[in-house]
Protein backbone atom coordinates (compact mmCIF):
# COMPACT_ATOMS: atom_id res chain seq x y z
CA MET A 1 -13.74 1.80 156.44
CA ARG A 2 -11.56 3.18 159.21
CA LYS A 3 -9.06 1.17 161.25
CA TYR A 4 -7.00 2.42 164.18
CA PHE A 5 -3.91 0.76 165.73
CA GLU A 6 -1.47 1.51 168.52
CA TYR A 7 2.06 0.39 169.35
CA THR A 8 3.59 0.95 172.79
CA ASP A 9 6.81 -0.35 174.33
CA ALA A 10 9.77 0.99 176.31
CA VAL A 11 10.72 3.50 173.60
CA SER A 12 7.53 3.99 171.58
CA ASN A 13 4.02 5.27 172.10
CA LYS A 14 2.48 5.75 168.67
CA PHE A 15 -0.66 5.25 166.65
CA TRP A 16 -1.40 4.37 163.04
CA GLU A 17 -4.77 4.89 161.38
CA ILE A 18 -5.97 4.01 157.90
CA ASN A 19 -9.16 5.31 156.31
CA LEU A 20 -10.60 3.88 153.09
CA LYS A 21 -13.13 5.91 151.10
CA GLY A 22 -13.75 4.45 147.67
CA LYS A 23 -10.58 4.85 145.62
CA GLN A 24 -8.79 7.06 148.17
CA VAL A 25 -6.76 5.90 151.17
CA THR A 26 -5.65 8.21 153.97
CA ILE A 27 -3.01 7.10 156.48
CA THR A 28 -2.39 9.12 159.64
CA PHE A 29 0.32 8.25 162.17
CA GLY A 30 2.60 9.62 164.86
CA ARG A 31 3.12 9.82 168.60
CA ILE A 32 -0.08 9.47 170.59
CA GLY A 33 -1.23 12.97 171.51
CA ILE A 34 0.85 14.84 168.93
CA LYS A 35 -0.93 17.90 167.54
CA LYS A 36 0.23 17.54 163.94
CA PRO A 37 0.65 13.87 163.00
CA GLN A 38 2.02 12.74 159.66
CA GLN A 39 -0.56 12.08 156.96
CA ILE A 40 -0.42 10.35 153.59
CA LYS A 41 -3.18 10.36 150.95
CA LYS A 42 -3.10 8.03 147.98
CA ASP A 43 -5.57 7.67 145.11
CA PHE A 44 -6.06 4.42 143.18
CA ASN A 45 -7.62 3.62 139.81
CA THR A 46 -10.18 1.16 141.21
CA ASN A 47 -11.87 0.33 144.51
CA GLU A 48 -10.31 -3.13 144.33
CA GLU A 49 -6.78 -1.68 144.21
CA SER A 50 -7.40 0.62 147.17
CA LYS A 51 -8.92 -2.23 149.22
CA LYS A 52 -5.97 -4.52 148.46
CA PHE A 53 -3.54 -1.77 149.47
CA VAL A 54 -5.34 -1.30 152.81
CA GLU A 55 -5.32 -5.03 153.54
CA THR A 56 -1.58 -5.20 152.81
CA LYS A 57 -0.71 -2.23 155.05
CA ILE A 58 -2.84 -3.55 157.93
CA ARG A 59 -1.12 -6.93 157.68
CA GLU A 60 2.30 -5.22 157.76
CA LYS A 61 1.42 -3.29 160.91
CA THR A 62 -0.09 -6.21 162.81
CA ASN A 63 2.97 -8.30 161.96
CA LYS A 64 5.09 -5.59 163.60
CA GLY A 65 3.07 -5.72 166.81
CA TYR A 66 0.47 -2.99 166.32
CA ILE A 67 -2.80 -3.67 168.16
CA GLU A 68 -6.16 -2.61 166.74
CA LYS A 69 -8.25 -0.43 169.04
CA LYS A 70 -11.42 1.59 168.83
CA ALA A 71 -10.81 4.55 166.53
CA GLY A 72 -10.01 7.66 168.52
CA SER A 73 -10.02 5.80 171.83
CA SER A 74 -6.70 7.22 172.95
CA SER A 75 -5.25 9.21 170.04
CA LYS A 76 -5.98 12.46 171.90
CA LYS A 77 -4.41 11.31 175.15
CA SER A 78 -0.74 12.10 175.45
CA ILE A 79 1.07 9.42 177.43
CA LYS A 80 4.44 10.58 178.68
CA ILE A 81 7.04 7.84 178.44
CA GLU A 82 10.77 7.79 178.93
CA VAL A 83 12.57 7.47 175.60
CA LYS A 84 15.49 5.16 176.18
CA LYS A 85 18.51 4.76 173.96
CA PRO A 86 17.94 1.72 171.73
CA LYS A 87 19.89 -1.34 172.74
CA LEU A 88 22.14 -2.49 169.97
CA GLY A 89 21.50 -6.00 168.71
CA ASP A 90 24.03 -8.78 169.17
CA LYS A 91 27.09 -7.81 167.12
CA LYS A 92 27.72 -11.48 166.39
CA LYS A 93 24.50 -11.49 164.36
CA LEU A 94 26.01 -9.16 161.74
CA SER A 95 29.08 -11.40 161.48
CA ASP A 96 26.90 -14.49 161.05
CA ILE A 97 24.79 -12.73 158.41
CA LYS A 98 27.91 -11.70 156.51
CA LYS A 99 29.14 -15.30 156.42
CA SER A 100 25.88 -16.78 155.11
CA PHE A 101 24.57 -13.86 153.03
CA GLU A 102 23.95 -14.66 149.33
CA ILE A 103 23.77 -11.52 147.21
CA LYS A 104 22.04 -13.31 144.31
CA LYS A 105 19.15 -14.29 146.59
CA PHE A 106 19.05 -10.74 147.93
CA ILE A 107 18.79 -9.19 144.46
CA ASN A 108 16.15 -11.72 143.36
CA PHE A 109 14.12 -10.96 146.48
CA LEU A 110 14.22 -7.21 145.81
CA ASN A 111 13.28 -7.78 142.16
CA ALA A 112 10.24 -9.90 143.02
CA LYS A 113 8.08 -6.87 143.86
CA GLU A 114 8.14 -3.14 143.29
CA ARG A 115 8.65 -2.51 147.01
CA GLU A 116 10.32 -4.76 149.57
CA ASP A 117 11.32 -4.67 153.22
CA ILE A 118 15.14 -4.66 153.41
CA PHE A 119 15.22 -6.60 156.67
CA GLU A 120 13.05 -9.33 155.18
CA ALA A 121 15.34 -9.45 152.14
CA ILE A 122 18.44 -9.83 154.34
CA SER A 123 16.76 -12.51 156.47
CA HIS A 124 15.74 -14.41 153.33
CA SER A 125 19.25 -14.16 151.86
CA SER A 126 21.12 -15.24 154.99
CA LYS A 127 18.59 -17.49 156.82
CA ILE A 128 19.19 -15.33 159.91
CA ASP A 129 16.40 -13.21 161.35
CA ILE A 130 17.06 -9.46 161.51
CA SER A 131 14.69 -6.55 161.97
CA SER A 132 14.57 -2.83 162.78
CA TYR A 133 14.47 -3.82 166.46
CA ASP A 134 18.16 -4.81 166.25
CA TYR A 135 18.90 -1.09 165.63
CA PHE A 136 22.03 -1.82 163.62
CA HIS A 137 21.09 0.62 160.84
CA GLN A 138 20.47 3.39 163.39
CA LYS A 139 23.53 2.73 165.52
CA ILE A 140 26.17 2.49 162.79
CA GLY A 141 24.41 4.27 159.91
CA LEU A 142 23.11 2.90 156.64
CA VAL A 143 26.43 3.13 154.75
CA ASN A 144 28.24 0.98 157.33
CA PHE A 145 25.22 -1.25 157.91
CA PHE A 146 25.09 -2.41 154.28
CA LYS A 147 28.89 -2.62 154.09
CA LYS A 148 28.98 -4.96 157.09
CA ILE A 149 26.37 -7.21 155.47
CA ASN A 150 28.34 -7.48 152.23
CA ILE A 151 31.09 -5.36 150.63
CA ASN A 152 29.12 -5.43 147.37
CA LEU A 153 26.21 -3.54 148.92
CA ILE A 154 27.09 0.12 148.37
CA TYR A 155 24.74 2.72 149.83
CA GLU A 156 24.75 6.43 148.99
CA PRO A 157 22.47 8.87 150.89
CA ILE A 158 20.63 11.46 148.81
CA ILE A 159 18.40 13.58 151.03
CA GLY A 160 17.26 13.54 154.66
CA PHE A 161 14.59 15.20 156.81
CA LEU A 162 15.07 15.64 160.55
CA ALA A 163 12.54 16.55 163.22
CA SER A 164 14.03 17.14 166.64
CA ASN A 165 12.11 18.84 169.42
CA PRO A 166 10.91 18.08 172.99
CA GLU A 167 7.77 16.36 171.68
CA TRP A 168 9.09 14.32 168.80
CA TYR A 169 12.22 12.90 167.19
CA SER A 170 12.05 11.54 163.67
CA ASN A 171 14.28 11.24 160.65
CA ILE A 172 13.55 10.27 157.07
CA GLU A 173 16.25 9.44 154.57
CA TYR A 174 16.31 8.51 150.89
CA GLY A 175 19.29 6.96 149.15
CA ILE A 176 20.50 4.57 146.47
CA LEU A 177 21.66 1.01 147.14
CA LYS A 178 23.95 -0.51 144.51
CA CYS A 179 24.14 -4.31 144.59
CA ILE A 180 27.02 -5.85 142.65
CA SER A 181 26.67 -9.54 141.76
CA LYS A 182 29.53 -12.02 141.40
CA ASN A 183 29.59 -11.59 137.61
CA LYS A 184 29.98 -7.80 138.14
CA ASP A 185 26.48 -6.96 136.94
CA PHE A 186 24.78 -4.50 139.24
CA SER A 187 21.31 -3.39 140.25
CA ASN A 188 20.30 -0.09 141.88
CA TYR A 189 17.37 0.40 144.25
CA LEU A 190 15.84 3.45 145.82
CA ILE A 191 16.00 3.15 149.62
CA SER A 192 13.71 4.92 152.06
CA CYS A 193 14.34 4.87 155.79
CA HIS A 194 11.98 6.29 158.41
CA ASN A 195 12.92 6.25 162.08
CA SER A 196 10.86 7.75 164.88
CA GLN A 197 11.28 7.36 168.61
CA GLY A 198 13.59 4.38 168.18
CA GLN A 199 11.42 2.46 165.69
CA GLY A 200 11.37 2.52 161.92
CA ASP A 201 11.13 1.03 158.46
CA LEU A 202 13.76 0.36 155.80
CA MET A 203 12.26 -0.20 152.36
CA SER A 204 13.48 -0.62 148.78
CA LYS A 205 11.82 0.35 145.52
CA LYS A 206 12.66 -1.09 142.13
CA CYS A 207 13.13 1.93 139.83
CA PHE A 208 16.06 1.11 137.57
CA LYS A 209 17.16 -1.39 134.93
CA SER A 210 20.08 -3.74 135.49
CA ASN A 211 23.47 -2.07 134.91
CA GLU A 212 21.77 1.29 134.39
CA LEU A 213 23.92 4.39 134.79
CA ILE A 214 21.61 6.83 136.56
CA THR A 215 21.65 10.48 135.51
CA ASN A 216 21.21 13.19 138.12
CA GLU A 217 18.08 14.38 136.32
CA LYS A 218 16.41 10.98 136.53
CA LEU A 219 17.51 10.49 140.13
CA LEU A 220 16.06 13.85 141.15
CA LYS A 221 12.72 13.06 139.53
CA ILE A 222 12.46 9.60 141.08
CA VAL A 223 13.31 10.81 144.58
CA THR A 224 10.95 13.80 144.28
CA ASP A 225 8.13 11.55 143.05
CA GLU A 226 8.74 9.13 145.92
CA ILE A 227 8.63 11.92 148.49
CA ASN A 228 5.35 13.16 147.02
CA TRP A 229 3.97 9.61 146.97
CA GLY A 230 4.93 8.92 150.55
CA TRP A 231 4.10 12.16 152.30
CA THR A 232 1.34 14.75 152.19
CA LYS A 233 3.04 16.77 154.91
CA ILE A 234 6.31 16.13 156.75
CA ALA A 235 6.90 17.04 160.38
CA ALA A 236 10.54 18.11 160.10
CA ASN A 237 12.50 21.26 160.79
CA GLU A 238 15.75 20.44 158.99
CA VAL A 239 16.57 19.22 155.47
CA TYR A 240 19.96 17.77 154.53
CA PHE A 241 21.09 17.58 150.90
CA PHE A 242 23.57 14.70 150.94
CA LYS A 243 23.87 14.61 147.15
CA LYS A 244 24.22 17.70 144.98
CA LEU A 245 21.16 17.73 142.73
CA LYS A 246 19.05 20.61 141.40
CA TRP A 247 16.74 20.67 144.40
CA SER A 248 13.92 23.21 144.50
CA LYS A 249 13.79 24.55 148.05
CA GLU A 250 10.56 26.42 147.34
CA LYS A 251 8.78 23.24 146.24
CA LEU A 252 10.20 21.28 149.15
CA LYS A 253 9.00 23.89 151.66
CA LYS A 254 5.41 23.10 150.70
CA LYS A 255 5.87 19.54 152.04
CA PHE A 256 6.51 20.66 155.63
CA TYR A 257 4.30 21.74 158.49
CA ASP A 258 7.09 24.06 159.61
CA SER A 259 7.40 26.93 157.13
CA ASN A 260 10.73 27.89 158.71
CA VAL A 261 12.42 24.62 157.82
CA LYS A 262 16.19 24.99 157.42
CA PHE A 263 18.25 23.59 154.55
CA TYR A 264 21.80 22.29 154.77
CA ASP A 265 24.33 21.11 152.20
CA SER A 266 26.03 18.56 154.37
CA ASN A 267 27.68 15.18 154.66
CA VAL A 268 26.60 14.91 158.29
CA LYS A 269 24.85 11.61 159.03
CA PHE A 270 21.74 11.30 161.18
CA TYR A 271 23.16 8.47 163.26
């Protein structure tokens, strides 16, 4: 089974394709007409698991406005569009969210499944709709974004990948979100953020026990495993090590289309 979708607006012109073959799922996506799109391959234990995964991902994309089209109908046609600077959402929305946000509901929402959409979790916990289209997380950065939602949401970036060229702009970031409840218990979640051409996803993954003190060794393994799970190849030309861990540059190089990818030890933020 092969399904092909497109999303086009004032700042985006991209495709997303999913291909199911037995227990293996291949996802290909990127700007329409790009020569080397991103691709993810994932193997499952049973055909039922792979089918369920495909159905879930298709539902996520259609909910975000992707439209199904005939496979290959326009993926080879490059449509030149003007990339406009994203318009920042209403600042009052962040203030309203802060006033009504309940951190207990937020933590319970993130604990309900292994992976959750951060924007859905915030909307659920504040009863105020927010999405990636508000661009808050891109405009002010993830550290300040979470801080403005609630002072007990503490985000720390770990590693980032940046692709910046005339054809494509994309950044991928992984970090840790610490959520401190009113009784001072805390929960940590792995955060992944992918932004491309003004659009993106912000997801959490449940990897740690409550009140767990995370060692650098465990953190390195979890982030490395998540990168390998999420990406077969990454279209980036710069890597930023935000947190000092024992990164293997040689292993990381194998994840990129560009063999001349550059590495930086930096506190510079993408936004």
